[in-house]
Amino acid sequence: MPTQKHKQDTHPRLTDKQLAKLLELPKGADIRHLENHFEDSSHDIYVIQEPEVTSPSCVVKVLRTNALKNNAFWQLMNDCFNAGLIAQTACFYAIYPLIKEISPLTIPTLKQQIIEPADPDKPKQPALYITQVYFLEGKVSTEVTHEMVQDLAKHTACMHLTTSDHFGSIDEPIAPSLHDWPSHLKRILAKYMDKFPEIPEFTRQRLLNQIENTFQIDEFCLIMPDLRWDQFLTKKDRLFALTDLDAIVYGPREMEWVLLEYLLTPVQAEVFLKEYTQFLPVPDLTEVRDVYRTLLYMMNVLGSTDYEAWMKQPKLFNITGY
């Protein structure tokens, strides 16, 4: 999960010649590498334009395996959901068509994947995880319109309507029953809290007790624990496509609702509620908000390093009841 501004990219990249050979691109194809703005970006991204074509034909994502070593988000994704980035990348064959069927947004179509795991007998030869999708026209918007919020609400509701009694990655869930989530979450939180001395001891114990005493899960659904506006493309001030599907897992929808309180303004929250509640009721966040806020903080989803300020984020949902 990108969290820090990129200064100098020292990560070794494939050369254009190597990439063209691996992808079997036609001679004369233009390969444009998009600059990484974060030093822990998980992929190198390329836009490919074939000769005698006026617009790009595809986008290529090359996994940066060494960027995962100290990546808090993907470490916790792996421990919480059995969904490390390498495993998620290998599961794109299932994730992309599933979300394409579910979401009202456009989802890129996979063209091919090249997966070559690390070979212990060839230590100098790095693992390769390359994903090639067909290009989609659109832009990442810096201004969020009400219509975009409506589109996000509809997409989120459709994801939440796809349910499971297991949590974890789409192809390998890690729990046999709904009752396992509270004990699993408590174990994960307790394991990671020692890495965050800014979380007061009394707060730690309160949160762990809260999980044990009040957490009840009815079902899991598809969620995006890394949900951000820059994962979507827009057209004419509407959300058009979802292009980042790396972190989609089955999990508690309350967790995504807690994250939404950081992404939406109070006015946007009202727009979101009006659209979402045409499909599903709003979950009660009262007893789970602080726990999921703490988990998301430890995952570094939005780059915050001030726990006290993070926890003081305004509460947008379940204030007067819906």
Protein backbone atom coordinates (compact mmCIF):
# COMPACT_ATOMS: atom_id res chain seq x y z
CA MET A 1 0.00 0.00 0.00
CA PRO A 2 1.66 3.29 -1.03
CA THR A 3 2.25 5.51 1.96
CA GLN A 4 5.44 7.52 1.52
CA LYS A 5 6.45 9.96 -1.17
CA HIS A 6 8.86 8.46 -3.63
CA LYS A 7 12.26 10.17 -3.76
CA GLN A 8 14.63 8.05 -5.81
CA ASP A 9 13.62 4.81 -7.47
CA THR A 10 16.40 2.30 -6.85
CA HIS A 11 14.23 -0.71 -7.62
CA PRO A 12 15.57 -2.68 -10.60
CA ARG A 13 13.08 -2.70 -13.45
CA LEU A 14 12.69 -4.80 -16.53
CA THR A 15 14.13 -3.12 -19.59
CA ASP A 16 11.77 -2.26 -22.43
CA LYS A 17 13.45 -4.96 -24.49
CA GLN A 18 12.90 -7.60 -21.78
CA LEU A 19 9.26 -6.60 -21.35
CA ALA A 20 8.61 -6.61 -25.09
CA LYS A 21 10.07 -10.10 -25.36
CA LEU A 22 8.10 -11.47 -22.40
CA LEU A 23 4.83 -10.04 -23.71
CA GLU A 24 5.63 -10.90 -27.34
CA LEU A 25 4.87 -7.33 -28.40
CA PRO A 26 5.04 -6.44 -32.10
CA LYS A 27 8.18 -4.70 -33.29
CA GLY A 28 7.95 -0.94 -32.86
CA ALA A 29 5.53 -1.05 -29.91
CA ASP A 30 5.88 1.95 -27.61
CA ILE A 31 6.43 1.12 -23.92
CA ARG A 32 5.88 3.98 -21.47
CA HIS A 33 6.72 3.48 -17.78
CA LEU A 34 4.53 5.47 -15.39
CA GLU A 35 6.50 7.10 -12.59
CA ASN A 36 6.00 5.66 -9.11
CA HIS A 37 5.13 8.45 -6.69
CA PHE A 38 5.60 6.25 -3.62
CA GLU A 39 8.70 4.36 -2.57
CA ASP A 40 6.69 1.33 -1.46
CA SER A 41 4.51 1.10 -4.58
CA SER A 42 3.74 -2.55 -5.17
CA HIS A 43 3.94 -2.48 -8.98
CA ASP A 44 5.76 -0.94 -11.88
CA ILE A 45 3.11 0.12 -14.39
CA TYR A 46 3.55 0.45 -18.13
CA VAL A 47 1.27 1.69 -20.90
CA ILE A 48 1.73 -0.13 -24.21
CA GLN A 49 0.87 1.37 -27.58
CA GLU A 50 1.26 -0.87 -30.61
CA PRO A 51 2.55 0.54 -33.91
CA GLU A 52 0.10 2.26 -36.26
CA VAL A 53 -2.49 2.54 -33.48
CA THR A 54 -3.67 5.94 -32.26
CA SER A 55 -4.39 5.00 -28.63
CA PRO A 56 -2.80 2.68 -26.06
CA SER A 57 -3.72 -0.99 -26.35
CA CYS A 58 -2.97 -2.29 -22.87
CA VAL A 59 -1.63 -1.63 -19.39
CA VAL A 60 0.98 -3.87 -17.79
CA LYS A 61 1.60 -4.26 -14.04
CA VAL A 62 4.88 -5.83 -12.92
CA LEU A 63 4.96 -6.81 -9.25
CA ARG A 64 7.84 -5.30 -7.27
CA THR A 65 8.46 -8.22 -4.92
CA ASN A 66 11.14 -6.45 -2.87
CA ALA A 67 8.72 -3.60 -2.10
CA LEU A 68 6.65 -5.99 0.02
CA LYS A 69 9.30 -6.71 2.67
CA ASN A 70 8.30 -3.90 5.04
CA ASN A 71 4.84 -3.16 3.70
CA ALA A 72 2.48 -2.99 6.70
CA PHE A 73 -0.65 -3.13 4.58
CA TRP A 74 0.20 -6.36 2.81
CA GLN A 75 1.63 -7.98 5.93
CA LEU A 76 -1.70 -7.43 7.68
CA MET A 77 -3.69 -8.43 4.60
CA ASN A 78 -1.80 -11.71 4.64
CA ASP A 79 -2.32 -12.30 8.37
CA CYS A 80 -5.94 -11.10 8.47
CA PHE A 81 -7.24 -12.52 5.21
CA ASN A 82 -4.64 -14.98 3.89
CA ALA A 83 -4.32 -12.49 1.04
CA GLY A 84 -0.70 -11.52 0.49
CA LEU A 85 -0.10 -9.57 -2.70
CA ILE A 86 1.66 -12.43 -4.48
CA ALA A 87 -1.26 -14.75 -3.70
CA GLN A 88 -3.76 -12.08 -4.76
CA THR A 89 -1.90 -11.51 -8.01
CA ALA A 90 -1.97 -15.23 -8.75
CA CYS A 91 -5.74 -15.15 -8.10
CA PHE A 92 -6.53 -12.42 -10.66
CA TYR A 93 -7.88 -15.11 -13.02
CA ALA A 94 -10.77 -15.48 -10.53
CA ILE A 95 -11.02 -11.94 -9.14
CA TYR A 96 -11.34 -10.00 -12.41
CA PRO A 97 -14.24 -11.96 -13.96
CA LEU A 98 -16.03 -12.15 -10.60
CA ILE A 99 -15.98 -8.38 -10.05
CA LYS A 100 -16.82 -7.78 -13.72
CA GLU A 101 -20.00 -9.80 -13.17
CA ILE A 102 -20.89 -8.06 -9.89
CA SER A 103 -20.00 -4.38 -10.25
CA PRO A 104 -21.93 -1.80 -12.30
CA LEU A 105 -18.53 -0.24 -13.10
CA THR A 106 -16.31 -1.27 -15.98
CA ILE A 107 -13.58 -3.73 -14.99
CA PRO A 108 -10.44 -4.17 -17.11
CA THR A 109 -10.29 -7.37 -19.13
CA LEU A 110 -7.29 -9.59 -18.47
CA LYS A 111 -5.23 -10.24 -21.59
CA GLN A 112 -2.58 -12.47 -20.04
CA GLN A 113 -0.56 -13.18 -16.91
CA ILE A 114 3.03 -14.32 -16.67
CA ILE A 115 3.81 -15.96 -13.34
CA GLU A 116 7.30 -17.32 -12.68
CA PRO A 117 7.86 -17.91 -8.94
CA ALA A 118 11.34 -17.58 -7.48
CA ASP A 119 13.60 -20.58 -8.09
CA PRO A 120 15.87 -21.39 -5.10
CA ASP A 121 18.33 -22.95 -7.54
CA LYS A 122 18.59 -19.62 -9.39
CA PRO A 123 18.96 -16.99 -6.62
CA LYS A 124 19.99 -14.26 -9.06
CA GLN A 125 16.83 -14.71 -11.12
CA PRO A 126 13.96 -12.77 -9.47
CA ALA A 127 10.37 -13.96 -9.45
CA LEU A 128 8.13 -12.53 -12.17
CA TYR A 129 4.48 -11.60 -11.74
CA ILE A 130 3.22 -9.71 -14.77
CA THR A 131 -0.41 -8.80 -15.41
CA GLN A 132 -1.53 -7.41 -18.77
CA VAL A 133 -4.99 -5.89 -19.17
CA TYR A 134 -6.66 -4.11 -22.06
CA PHE A 135 -6.46 -0.32 -21.87
CA LEU A 136 -9.45 1.70 -20.65
CA GLU A 137 -9.95 5.38 -21.47
CA GLY A 138 -10.59 7.57 -18.45
CA LYS A 139 -8.85 9.69 -15.86
CA VAL A 140 -8.28 9.76 -12.12
CA SER A 141 -10.30 12.71 -10.88
CA THR A 142 -9.05 15.07 -8.18
CA GLU A 143 -12.54 16.45 -7.56
CA VAL A 144 -15.32 14.19 -6.30
CA THR A 145 -18.82 14.95 -7.59
CA HIS A 146 -22.10 13.86 -6.01
CA GLU A 147 -22.64 11.59 -9.00
CA MET A 148 -19.31 9.88 -8.32
CA VAL A 149 -20.36 9.29 -4.71
CA GLN A 150 -23.61 7.74 -5.96
CA ASP A 151 -21.64 5.50 -8.30
CA LEU A 152 -19.33 4.44 -5.47
CA ALA A 153 -22.33 3.65 -3.25
CA LYS A 154 -23.93 1.49 -5.94
CA HIS A 155 -20.66 -0.35 -6.59
CA THR A 156 -20.09 -0.89 -2.85
CA ALA A 157 -23.63 -2.18 -2.34
CA CYS A 158 -23.23 -4.67 -5.19
CA MET A 159 -19.98 -5.89 -3.64
CA HIS A 160 -21.68 -6.23 -0.24
CA LEU A 161 -24.53 -8.23 -1.76
CA THR A 162 -22.01 -10.92 -2.68
CA THR A 163 -21.72 -12.80 0.59
CA SER A 164 -19.94 -15.77 2.12
CA ASP A 165 -19.78 -17.51 5.49
CA HIS A 166 -15.98 -17.53 5.18
CA PHE A 167 -13.52 -14.66 5.38
CA GLY A 168 -10.28 -14.38 3.46
CA SER A 169 -9.12 -14.44 -0.12
CA ILE A 170 -11.60 -15.36 -2.83
CA ASP A 171 -10.00 -18.67 -3.69
CA GLU A 172 -8.68 -19.71 -0.25
CA PRO A 173 -10.83 -18.52 2.69
CA ILE A 174 -9.24 -19.25 6.06
CA ALA A 175 -12.11 -19.72 8.49
CA PRO A 176 -14.63 -22.54 8.75
CA SER A 177 -17.33 -20.46 10.45
CA LEU A 178 -18.55 -16.95 11.21
CA HIS A 179 -17.70 -17.41 14.88
CA ASP A 180 -13.97 -17.56 14.13
CA TRP A 181 -13.62 -13.92 13.04
CA PRO A 182 -13.66 -12.26 16.50
CA SER A 183 -11.02 -14.60 17.96
CA HIS A 184 -8.94 -14.34 14.78
CA LEU A 185 -9.17 -10.53 14.76
CA LYS A 186 -8.29 -10.32 18.46
CA ARG A 187 -5.21 -12.48 17.90
CA ILE A 188 -4.05 -10.34 14.96
CA LEU A 189 -4.59 -7.05 16.80
CA ALA A 190 -2.75 -8.30 19.89
CA LYS A 191 0.15 -9.52 17.73
CA TYR A 192 0.65 -6.18 15.99
CA MET A 193 -0.07 -3.73 18.80
CA ASP A 194 3.45 -4.02 20.21
CA LYS A 195 4.71 -2.42 17.00
CA PHE A 196 2.67 0.71 17.73
CA PRO A 197 3.78 2.27 21.04
CA GLU A 198 1.62 5.32 20.30
CA ILE A 199 -1.47 3.22 21.08
CA PRO A 200 -1.97 3.58 24.87
CA GLU A 201 -2.00 0.41 26.94
CA PHE A 202 -5.49 1.06 28.33
CA THR A 203 -6.78 1.55 24.77
CA ARG A 204 -5.26 -1.76 23.68
CA GLN A 205 -6.98 -3.67 26.45
CA ARG A 206 -10.29 -1.90 25.86
CA LEU A 207 -10.25 -2.81 22.17
CA LEU A 208 -9.36 -6.45 22.81
CA ASN A 209 -12.13 -6.71 25.41
CA GLN A 210 -14.54 -5.08 22.98
CA ILE A 211 -13.83 -7.73 20.35
CA GLU A 212 -14.34 -10.53 22.85
CA ASN A 213 -17.53 -9.16 24.39
CA THR A 214 -19.45 -7.38 21.63
CA PHE A 215 -18.37 -8.58 18.18
CA GLN A 216 -21.03 -10.51 16.29
CA ILE A 217 -20.76 -11.28 12.58
CA ASP A 218 -23.77 -12.30 10.48
CA GLU A 219 -21.96 -12.77 7.18
CA PHE A 220 -18.93 -11.70 5.18
CA CYS A 221 -18.98 -9.93 1.84
CA LEU A 222 -16.59 -8.60 -0.77
CA ILE A 223 -14.69 -5.60 0.56
CA MET A 224 -11.73 -3.41 -0.44
CA PRO A 225 -9.66 -2.65 2.69
CA ASP A 226 -7.54 -0.24 0.61
CA LEU A 227 -10.48 1.68 -0.89
CA ARG A 228 -9.42 5.07 -2.30
CA TRP A 229 -10.70 7.39 -5.01
CA ASP A 230 -7.54 6.99 -7.09
CA GLN A 231 -8.42 3.34 -7.76
CA PHE A 232 -11.18 4.46 -10.11
CA LEU A 233 -11.27 6.07 -13.54
CA THR A 234 -13.84 8.74 -14.32
CA LYS A 235 -15.64 9.98 -17.42
CA LYS A 236 -17.83 13.08 -17.56
CA ASP A 237 -17.76 13.45 -13.76
CA ARG A 238 -19.00 9.89 -13.18
CA LEU A 239 -17.12 6.85 -11.94
CA PHE A 240 -16.43 4.74 -14.99
CA ALA A 241 -14.05 1.92 -14.06
CA LEU A 242 -12.35 0.20 -11.14
CA THR A 243 -8.74 -0.54 -12.07
CA ASP A 244 -7.14 -1.67 -8.80
CA LEU A 245 -8.52 -5.04 -7.68
CA ASP A 246 -5.45 -6.19 -5.75
CA ALA A 247 -6.92 -6.26 -2.24
CA ILE A 248 -10.49 -7.53 -2.76
CA VAL A 249 -11.34 -10.17 -0.15
CA TYR A 250 -14.27 -11.57 1.80
CA GLY A 251 -14.49 -9.68 5.09
CA PRO A 252 -16.83 -7.76 7.42
CA ARG A 253 -18.61 -4.95 5.60
CA GLU A 254 -18.39 -2.87 8.78
CA MET A 255 -14.64 -2.56 8.16
CA GLU A 256 -15.22 -0.89 4.80
CA TRP A 257 -17.91 1.38 6.26
CA VAL A 258 -15.40 2.56 8.88
CA LEU A 259 -12.93 3.34 6.10
CA LEU A 260 -15.61 5.33 4.26
CA GLU A 261 -15.70 7.79 7.17
CA TYR A 262 -12.19 8.84 6.11
CA LEU A 263 -13.00 9.11 2.40
CA LEU A 264 -16.26 11.05 2.45
CA THR A 265 -17.26 14.50 3.64
CA PRO A 266 -20.45 14.82 5.74
CA VAL A 267 -22.38 15.96 2.65
CA GLN A 268 -20.98 13.11 0.56
CA ALA A 269 -21.87 10.66 3.34
CA GLU A 270 -25.54 11.66 3.05
CA VAL A 271 -25.44 11.13 -0.72
CA PHE A 272 -23.77 7.75 -0.21
CA LEU A 273 -26.35 6.67 2.36
CA LYS A 274 -29.30 7.62 0.18
CA GLU A 275 -27.98 5.49 -2.70
CA TYR A 276 -26.65 2.53 -0.68
CA THR A 277 -29.82 2.07 1.39
CA GLN A 278 -31.78 1.38 -1.78
CA PHE A 279 -29.92 -1.95 -1.76
CA LEU A 280 -28.96 -2.71 1.86
CA PRO A 281 -29.36 -1.29 5.36
CA VAL A 282 -26.44 0.46 7.05
CA PRO A 283 -24.55 -1.74 9.52
CA ASP A 284 -24.22 -0.59 13.12
CA LEU A 285 -20.68 0.67 13.69
CA THR A 286 -21.11 1.66 17.34
CA GLU A 287 -19.32 -1.30 18.91
CA VAL A 288 -16.83 -1.93 16.11
CA ARG A 289 -15.71 1.52 14.94
CA ASP A 290 -12.68 1.93 17.23
CA VAL A 291 -11.46 -1.60 16.59
CA TYR A 292 -11.60 -1.27 12.81
CA ARG A 293 -10.17 2.25 12.92
CA THR A 294 -7.21 0.84 14.83
CA LEU A 295 -6.79 -2.05 12.41
CA LEU A 296 -6.89 0.32 9.42
CA TYR A 297 -4.38 2.60 11.14
CA MET A 298 -2.00 -0.33 11.65
CA MET A 299 -2.50 -1.27 7.98
CA ASN A 300 -1.45 2.29 7.10
CA VAL A 301 -4.24 2.52 4.55
CA LEU A 302 -4.06 6.30 4.16
CA GLY A 303 -0.55 6.96 5.48
CA SER A 304 -1.49 8.43 8.87
CA THR A 305 1.15 8.26 11.62
CA ASP A 306 -0.82 10.14 14.29
CA TYR A 307 -3.01 7.61 16.10
CA GLU A 308 -4.78 10.17 18.29
CA ALA A 309 -5.75 12.32 15.31
CA TRP A 310 -6.77 9.23 13.32
CA MET A 311 -9.17 8.11 16.04
CA LYS A 312 -10.73 11.59 16.26
CA GLN A 313 -11.97 11.46 12.66
CA PRO A 314 -15.63 12.61 12.62
CA LYS A 315 -18.22 9.84 12.81
CA LEU A 316 -20.43 10.03 9.74
CA PHE A 317 -22.69 7.01 10.17
CA ASN A 318 -25.06 5.68 12.87
CA ILE A 319 -25.27 9.11 14.48
CA THR A 320 -29.07 9.39 14.54
CA GLY A 321 -29.93 5.96 13.15
CA TYR A 322 -31.15 5.01 9.68
